[in-house]
Amino acid sequence: SSAAAAAAAAGSAPEEMVGRYDCKVGSPEKIGDSMNAYVRYAITSKNVEVQGPVIETTRRFSDFVWLHEKLTKSYPECAIPPIPEKEFNPMSKFADEFLDYRARELERFLKRVSVHPKLSVASCVGSFFNADVEEFRQLQQEEPKATVATQVFSFFSTKFNAAASASLPDVFGNAVEVDVWFESKREYVEALSTQLTELAAASNDLVARHAQMKQSYSAMATALSSLSKIEMDSDKTIADSFERVSTVNLELQLLEGELSYSARVHWAERLQDYQRVVESIKDMLNRRLESLAAYQAASKSLNSKKDALVKATGSKIPQLEAEVSKAEEKEADAKEVFDLRSASCKQELDAFERTKSNEMKLLVQRLAQMHMNHELRVLDLWKPILSDHA
């Protein structure tokens, strides 16, 4: 249903998604050393619609890219759930924090696919979940060599090229938008993407500041404890006060660490994920525009051939009639593709907007609750000191 598609597109939390497959991604494990090293992820899944057995297998990040590519090619009319970006920095690509983050995002991708009414029944999705490692490799080798050999590069270079060329006026040929509704949605999605980028950047800065505060509280606690020792023989009351404040700062260090982690995982990462969701909507709209350009090009070619036929005489007429007939078929085929993509895009956009409000509301509620809990615990640490020094 379109509601299911909405849940997939709008960024539902993994624990809230229930679809064709109940799946988990975890236990990232580094395999190999140096340049040949890679990470494999443990995948557990169960087809809940047929009450099948729990399947356990492993997949590499490039396997997720392969699946994303297959879905994009097979279902261009859909907003394909996004996958996280590739990490090119060799110093961080195997760090535990990064691997845990990627595992969460890859699980989110699979769960979105699982709840999508079209994508969840794709044969490549079934193979991804059910095939063992050797069977899956064999399946990939059946693809054209260029596709398998360059799948990761082509996926991310496509993303880069799309972003780099977004400002060009003729990216999709000479397509002229024929639907005011789609034009307004495109403008809205572009504006949403821009503002989400700014918010994500500000949120990442805030997370970094929480991490810095954690270190500052630690330094403060150490300095206060040292001062307390110096004052112990001179003024035990002051020494005890400094030591108590030092203890409070150690607790604040822990609280700030918890807040930094929660703000990163439950706020900043979710905003970055939502950025990717919006990009997937933009990609879908671009594919629709490509089909519009193809349809309009086919119509232009047909009209040109019809004009030539009107002016033709003698032996040229039969050949031009045949060309007109073929051009009519091409135009009809192009129109059918465009109409199908437009109808599907409209359904997914409607579904996306219906669920977006609830998703963002939940995200803001979690942010508020997170900070309220933090501030209340901070107050509980300082209150006893104020009471004792009243």
Foldseek 3Di string as FASTA:
>chain_A
DLLLLQCLLQQDQLVPFDFQKDKAWDDWDWDDDDPPIFIKIWMWIARPVVRGDIDIAIDTPLLLLVLQVVCCVVCLLGLQQDADADDPDPVPNPPPVNVVLNRSRSSSNLRSLRSDPPSNPDPSNVCVRHPHPVVVVVVLVVPPPVCSVCSNVVVVVVVVVCVVCVPPPQPQHPFDDDDVVLVVVLVVLVVVLVVLVVVLVVLVVVLVVLLVLLVVLLVQLVVLQVVLVVCCVPDNVSSVLSNLVSVLSNVVSVLSVVLSVCSVRLPSSSSVSSSRSSVSLVSSSVSLSNLSSQLVVLVVVLVVLVVVLVVDDDPVNVVSVVVNVVSVVSNVVSVVVNVVSVVSSVSNVVSNVVCNVVVVVVSVVSVVVSVVVSVVVSCVSCVVSVVVVD
